[in-house]
Amino acid sequence: MSDLEAFAVKVLQTIEDVRRGCYFPEAVMEPVMLSMDITEEEAIKALSYCIDQGWLSVKGRNPKFFLRPGYVAAFPVIISQKGLEFLKQFKVGGESF
């Protein structure tokens, strides 16, 4: 597993944890970035990787608008079914990060 993939998985796991306490998808990324102490550039790389893997749903949204400094904290995060299935393998005896 590459460093970028491992980092993206950590971000995805944190998104899932924060998302459970947030009703609005656009209110998730800022707490994720603060709790992980990551920069906007790191968040953009991780989100781009998650989108490329199909772990985040961007239907009806233009991710390019949000995937830039100053806007990434408002990215409306919705984990796709593929992303949820991927996360399940880490919660049931899978590799943990």
N, C-alpha and C. Protein backbone atom coordinates (compact mmCIF):
# COMPACT_ATOMS: atom_id res chain seq x y z
N MET A 1 0.85 -1.17 0.00
CA MET A 1 0.00 0.00 0.00
C MET A 1 0.90 1.24 0.00
N SER A 2 0.65 2.15 -0.91
CA SER A 2 1.46 3.36 -1.01
C SER A 2 1.17 4.31 0.15
N ASP A 3 2.07 5.25 0.34
CA ASP A 3 1.88 6.25 1.41
C ASP A 3 0.61 7.07 1.18
N LEU A 4 0.38 7.44 -0.09
CA LEU A 4 -0.82 8.22 -0.41
C LEU A 4 -2.08 7.41 -0.12
N GLU A 5 -2.07 6.14 -0.50
CA GLU A 5 -3.25 5.30 -0.25
C GLU A 5 -3.49 5.13 1.25
N ALA A 6 -2.43 4.89 2.01
CA ALA A 6 -2.57 4.73 3.46
C ALA A 6 -3.10 6.01 4.09
N PHE A 7 -2.59 7.16 3.64
CA PHE A 7 -3.06 8.44 4.15
C PHE A 7 -4.52 8.67 3.78
N ALA A 8 -4.88 8.35 2.54
CA ALA A 8 -6.27 8.52 2.08
C ALA A 8 -7.22 7.64 2.89
N VAL A 9 -6.79 6.43 3.23
CA VAL A 9 -7.62 5.54 4.03
C VAL A 9 -7.83 6.13 5.42
N LYS A 10 -6.77 6.69 6.01
CA LYS A 10 -6.92 7.33 7.32
C LYS A 10 -7.91 8.50 7.25
N VAL A 11 -7.80 9.28 6.19
CA VAL A 11 -8.73 10.41 6.01
C VAL A 11 -10.15 9.88 5.85
N LEU A 12 -10.33 8.83 5.04
CA LEU A 12 -11.66 8.25 4.83
C LEU A 12 -12.24 7.73 6.14
N GLN A 13 -11.42 7.08 6.95
CA GLN A 13 -11.89 6.58 8.24
C GLN A 13 -12.29 7.74 9.16
N THR A 14 -11.52 8.80 9.15
CA THR A 14 -11.85 9.97 9.97
C THR A 14 -13.11 10.64 9.46
N ILE A 15 -13.27 10.71 8.14
CA ILE A 15 -14.50 11.27 7.56
C ILE A 15 -15.70 10.48 8.05
N GLU A 16 -15.59 9.15 8.05
CA GLU A 16 -16.70 8.31 8.50
C GLU A 16 -17.02 8.58 9.97
N ASP A 17 -16.01 8.71 10.80
CA ASP A 17 -16.23 8.98 12.22
C ASP A 17 -16.89 10.34 12.44
N VAL A 18 -16.40 11.37 11.76
CA VAL A 18 -16.94 12.72 11.92
C VAL A 18 -18.34 12.81 11.31
N ARG A 19 -18.54 12.14 10.19
CA ARG A 19 -19.82 12.20 9.48
C ARG A 19 -20.97 11.71 10.34
N ARG A 20 -20.72 10.78 11.20
CA ARG A 20 -21.78 10.24 12.06
C ARG A 20 -22.36 11.30 12.99
N GLY A 21 -21.58 12.33 13.31
CA GLY A 21 -22.06 13.39 14.18
C GLY A 21 -22.48 14.65 13.45
N CYS A 22 -22.39 14.64 12.13
CA CYS A 22 -22.75 15.82 11.33
C CYS A 22 -23.92 15.49 10.41
N TYR A 23 -24.88 16.38 10.39
CA TYR A 23 -26.02 16.18 9.51
C TYR A 23 -25.72 16.67 8.10
N PHE A 24 -24.95 17.74 7.99
CA PHE A 24 -24.69 18.34 6.68
C PHE A 24 -23.35 17.86 6.13
N PRO A 25 -23.33 17.34 4.90
CA PRO A 25 -22.08 16.83 4.32
C PRO A 25 -21.00 17.90 4.17
N GLU A 26 -21.39 19.16 4.02
CA GLU A 26 -20.40 20.23 3.85
C GLU A 26 -19.78 20.66 5.18
N ALA A 27 -20.26 20.10 6.29
CA ALA A 27 -19.72 20.44 7.61
C ALA A 27 -18.75 19.38 8.13
N VAL A 28 -18.34 18.45 7.28
CA VAL A 28 -17.50 17.33 7.72
C VAL A 28 -16.00 17.63 7.57
N MET A 29 -15.59 18.19 6.45
CA MET A 29 -14.16 18.29 6.16
C MET A 29 -13.39 19.18 7.12
N GLU A 30 -13.96 20.28 7.55
CA GLU A 30 -13.21 21.15 8.46
C GLU A 30 -12.85 20.43 9.76
N PRO A 31 -13.80 19.74 10.43
CA PRO A 31 -13.41 18.99 11.63
C PRO A 31 -12.41 17.87 11.34
N VAL A 32 -12.52 17.25 10.16
CA VAL A 32 -11.56 16.20 9.79
C VAL A 32 -10.16 16.80 9.69
N MET A 33 -10.06 17.93 9.01
CA MET A 33 -8.75 18.57 8.84
C MET A 33 -8.17 19.02 10.18
N LEU A 34 -9.02 19.53 11.05
CA LEU A 34 -8.54 19.96 12.37
C LEU A 34 -8.13 18.78 13.24
N SER A 35 -8.92 17.73 13.25
CA SER A 35 -8.61 16.58 14.10
C SER A 35 -7.36 15.84 13.63
N MET A 36 -7.13 15.83 12.32
CA MET A 36 -5.94 15.15 11.79
C MET A 36 -4.75 16.09 11.66
N ASP A 37 -4.98 17.39 11.88
CA ASP A 37 -3.94 18.40 11.74
C ASP A 37 -3.26 18.31 10.37
N ILE A 38 -4.09 18.36 9.32
CA ILE A 38 -3.57 18.29 7.96
C ILE A 38 -3.81 19.62 7.25
N THR A 39 -2.97 19.89 6.27
CA THR A 39 -3.10 21.12 5.49
C THR A 39 -4.17 20.95 4.42
N GLU A 40 -4.54 22.06 3.82
CA GLU A 40 -5.50 22.00 2.72
C GLU A 40 -4.95 21.18 1.56
N GLU A 41 -3.67 21.32 1.28
CA GLU A 41 -3.06 20.58 0.17
C GLU A 41 -3.11 19.08 0.43
N GLU A 42 -2.84 18.67 1.67
CA GLU A 42 -2.91 17.25 2.02
C GLU A 42 -4.34 16.74 1.90
N ALA A 43 -5.29 17.54 2.35
CA ALA A 43 -6.70 17.16 2.25
C ALA A 43 -7.12 17.02 0.79
N ILE A 44 -6.66 17.94 -0.05
CA ILE A 44 -7.00 17.89 -1.48
C ILE A 44 -6.45 16.62 -2.11
N LYS A 45 -5.21 16.26 -1.79
CA LYS A 45 -4.62 15.03 -2.34
C LYS A 45 -5.40 13.80 -1.89
N ALA A 46 -5.74 13.75 -0.60
CA ALA A 46 -6.47 12.59 -0.08
C ALA A 46 -7.87 12.50 -0.68
N LEU A 47 -8.57 13.62 -0.76
CA LEU A 47 -9.92 13.61 -1.34
C LEU A 47 -9.88 13.23 -2.81
N SER A 48 -8.91 13.75 -3.54
CA SER A 48 -8.78 13.40 -4.96
C SER A 48 -8.55 11.90 -5.13
N TYR A 49 -7.71 11.34 -4.27
CA TYR A 49 -7.45 9.90 -4.34
C TYR A 49 -8.74 9.12 -4.02
N CYS A 50 -9.45 9.53 -2.98
CA CYS A 50 -10.69 8.85 -2.60
C CYS A 50 -11.73 8.93 -3.72
N ILE A 51 -11.81 10.06 -4.39
CA ILE A 51 -12.75 10.21 -5.51
C ILE A 51 -12.34 9.30 -6.66
N ASP A 52 -11.03 9.27 -6.97
CA ASP A 52 -10.53 8.41 -8.05
C ASP A 52 -10.81 6.94 -7.78
N GLN A 53 -10.77 6.54 -6.51
CA GLN A 53 -11.03 5.14 -6.14
C GLN A 53 -12.53 4.83 -6.08
N GLY A 54 -13.36 5.86 -6.15
CA GLY A 54 -14.81 5.66 -6.07
C GLY A 54 -15.32 5.57 -4.65
N TRP A 55 -14.50 5.97 -3.67
CA TRP A 55 -14.89 5.89 -2.27
C TRP A 55 -15.79 7.04 -1.84
N LEU A 56 -15.75 8.14 -2.58
CA LEU A 56 -16.60 9.30 -2.28
C LEU A 56 -17.53 9.55 -3.45
N SER A 57 -18.76 9.88 -3.16
CA SER A 57 -19.75 10.18 -4.19
C SER A 57 -19.72 11.67 -4.49
N VAL A 58 -19.64 12.00 -5.77
CA VAL A 58 -19.63 13.42 -6.18
C VAL A 58 -20.74 13.69 -7.19
N LYS A 59 -21.74 12.85 -7.22
CA LYS A 59 -22.85 13.01 -8.17
C LYS A 59 -23.53 14.36 -7.95
N GLY A 60 -23.72 15.08 -9.04
CA GLY A 60 -24.40 16.36 -8.97
C GLY A 60 -23.55 17.49 -8.41
N ARG A 61 -22.28 17.23 -8.18
CA ARG A 61 -21.38 18.25 -7.65
C ARG A 61 -20.16 18.37 -8.56
N ASN A 62 -19.53 19.51 -8.52
CA ASN A 62 -18.31 19.73 -9.26
C ASN A 62 -17.15 19.71 -8.27
N PRO A 63 -16.46 18.57 -8.12
CA PRO A 63 -15.40 18.50 -7.12
C PRO A 63 -14.25 19.47 -7.38
N LYS A 64 -14.03 19.84 -8.63
CA LYS A 64 -12.93 20.77 -8.94
C LYS A 64 -13.12 22.11 -8.25
N PHE A 65 -14.37 22.51 -8.04
CA PHE A 65 -14.63 23.77 -7.35
C PHE A 65 -14.10 23.72 -5.92
N PHE A 66 -14.31 22.60 -5.23
CA PHE A 66 -13.94 22.48 -3.83
C PHE A 66 -12.51 22.03 -3.62
N LEU A 67 -11.93 21.34 -4.59
CA LEU A 67 -10.60 20.79 -4.42
C LEU A 67 -9.52 21.82 -4.75
N ARG A 68 -9.57 22.91 -4.01
CA ARG A 68 -8.58 23.97 -4.13
C ARG A 68 -8.50 24.70 -2.79
N PRO A 69 -7.35 25.29 -2.51
CA PRO A 69 -7.19 25.98 -1.22
C PRO A 69 -8.27 27.05 -1.01
N GLY A 70 -8.75 27.11 0.22
CA GLY A 70 -9.79 28.06 0.57
C GLY A 70 -11.19 27.51 0.45
N TYR A 71 -11.34 26.39 -0.23
CA TYR A 71 -12.67 25.81 -0.46
C TYR A 71 -12.79 24.36 0.02
N VAL A 72 -11.67 23.70 0.22
CA VAL A 72 -11.70 22.27 0.53
C VAL A 72 -12.42 21.97 1.85
N ALA A 73 -12.35 22.88 2.81
CA ALA A 73 -13.01 22.66 4.10
C ALA A 73 -14.53 22.59 3.97
N ALA A 74 -15.07 23.12 2.87
CA ALA A 74 -16.52 23.09 2.63
C ALA A 74 -16.92 22.00 1.65
N PHE A 75 -16.00 21.10 1.30
CA PHE A 75 -16.30 20.02 0.37
C PHE A 75 -17.42 19.15 0.94
N PRO A 76 -18.52 18.97 0.21
CA PRO A 76 -19.63 18.15 0.72
C PRO A 76 -19.29 16.66 0.60
N VAL A 77 -18.95 16.06 1.72
CA VAL A 77 -18.46 14.69 1.75
C VAL A 77 -19.60 13.69 1.87
N ILE A 78 -19.70 12.80 0.90
CA ILE A 78 -20.65 11.69 0.96
C ILE A 78 -19.88 10.43 0.59
N ILE A 79 -19.78 9.51 1.53
CA ILE A 79 -19.07 8.27 1.27
C ILE A 79 -19.96 7.37 0.44
N SER A 80 -19.41 6.85 -0.65
CA SER A 80 -20.17 5.98 -1.55
C SER A 80 -20.33 4.59 -0.93
N GLN A 81 -21.18 3.79 -1.54
CA GLN A 81 -21.35 2.41 -1.08
C GLN A 81 -20.03 1.65 -1.19
N LYS A 82 -19.30 1.91 -2.26
CA LYS A 82 -17.99 1.27 -2.44
C LYS A 82 -17.04 1.67 -1.30
N GLY A 83 -17.08 2.94 -0.91
CA GLY A 83 -16.26 3.41 0.20
C GLY A 83 -16.65 2.77 1.52
N LEU A 84 -17.94 2.63 1.76
CA LEU A 84 -18.41 1.99 2.99
C LEU A 84 -18.00 0.52 3.03
N GLU A 85 -18.12 -0.16 1.89
CA GLU A 85 -17.70 -1.56 1.81
C GLU A 85 -16.20 -1.68 2.05
N PHE A 86 -15.43 -0.75 1.49
CA PHE A 86 -13.99 -0.74 1.68
C PHE A 86 -13.65 -0.56 3.16
N LEU A 87 -14.32 0.35 3.83
CA LEU A 87 -14.06 0.60 5.25
C LEU A 87 -14.41 -0.60 6.13
N LYS A 88 -15.40 -1.37 5.72
CA LYS A 88 -15.82 -2.54 6.51
C LYS A 88 -14.68 -3.53 6.68
N GLN A 89 -13.83 -3.67 5.67
CA GLN A 89 -12.74 -4.64 5.77
C GLN A 89 -11.75 -4.27 6.87
N PHE A 90 -11.68 -2.99 7.23
CA PHE A 90 -10.76 -2.56 8.28
C PHE A 90 -11.39 -2.69 9.66
N LYS A 91 -12.70 -2.81 9.72
CA LYS A 91 -13.38 -2.92 11.00
C LYS A 91 -13.62 -4.36 11.41
N VAL A 92 -13.48 -5.28 10.46
CA VAL A 92 -13.72 -6.69 10.75
C VAL A 92 -12.43 -7.46 10.48
N GLY A 93 -11.49 -7.31 11.37
CA GLY A 93 -10.27 -8.10 11.30
C GLY A 93 -9.35 -7.77 10.14
N GLY A 94 -9.59 -6.70 9.45
CA GLY A 94 -8.72 -6.33 8.34
C GLY A 94 -7.52 -5.55 8.82
N GLU A 95 -6.74 -5.09 7.89
CA GLU A 95 -5.57 -4.29 8.19
C GLU A 95 -6.01 -2.99 8.84
N SER A 96 -5.34 -2.60 9.89
CA SER A 96 -5.72 -1.39 10.60
C SER A 96 -4.64 -0.33 10.46
N PHE A 97 -5.08 0.90 10.41
CA PHE A 97 -4.12 2.00 10.27
C PHE A 97 -4.10 2.83 11.51
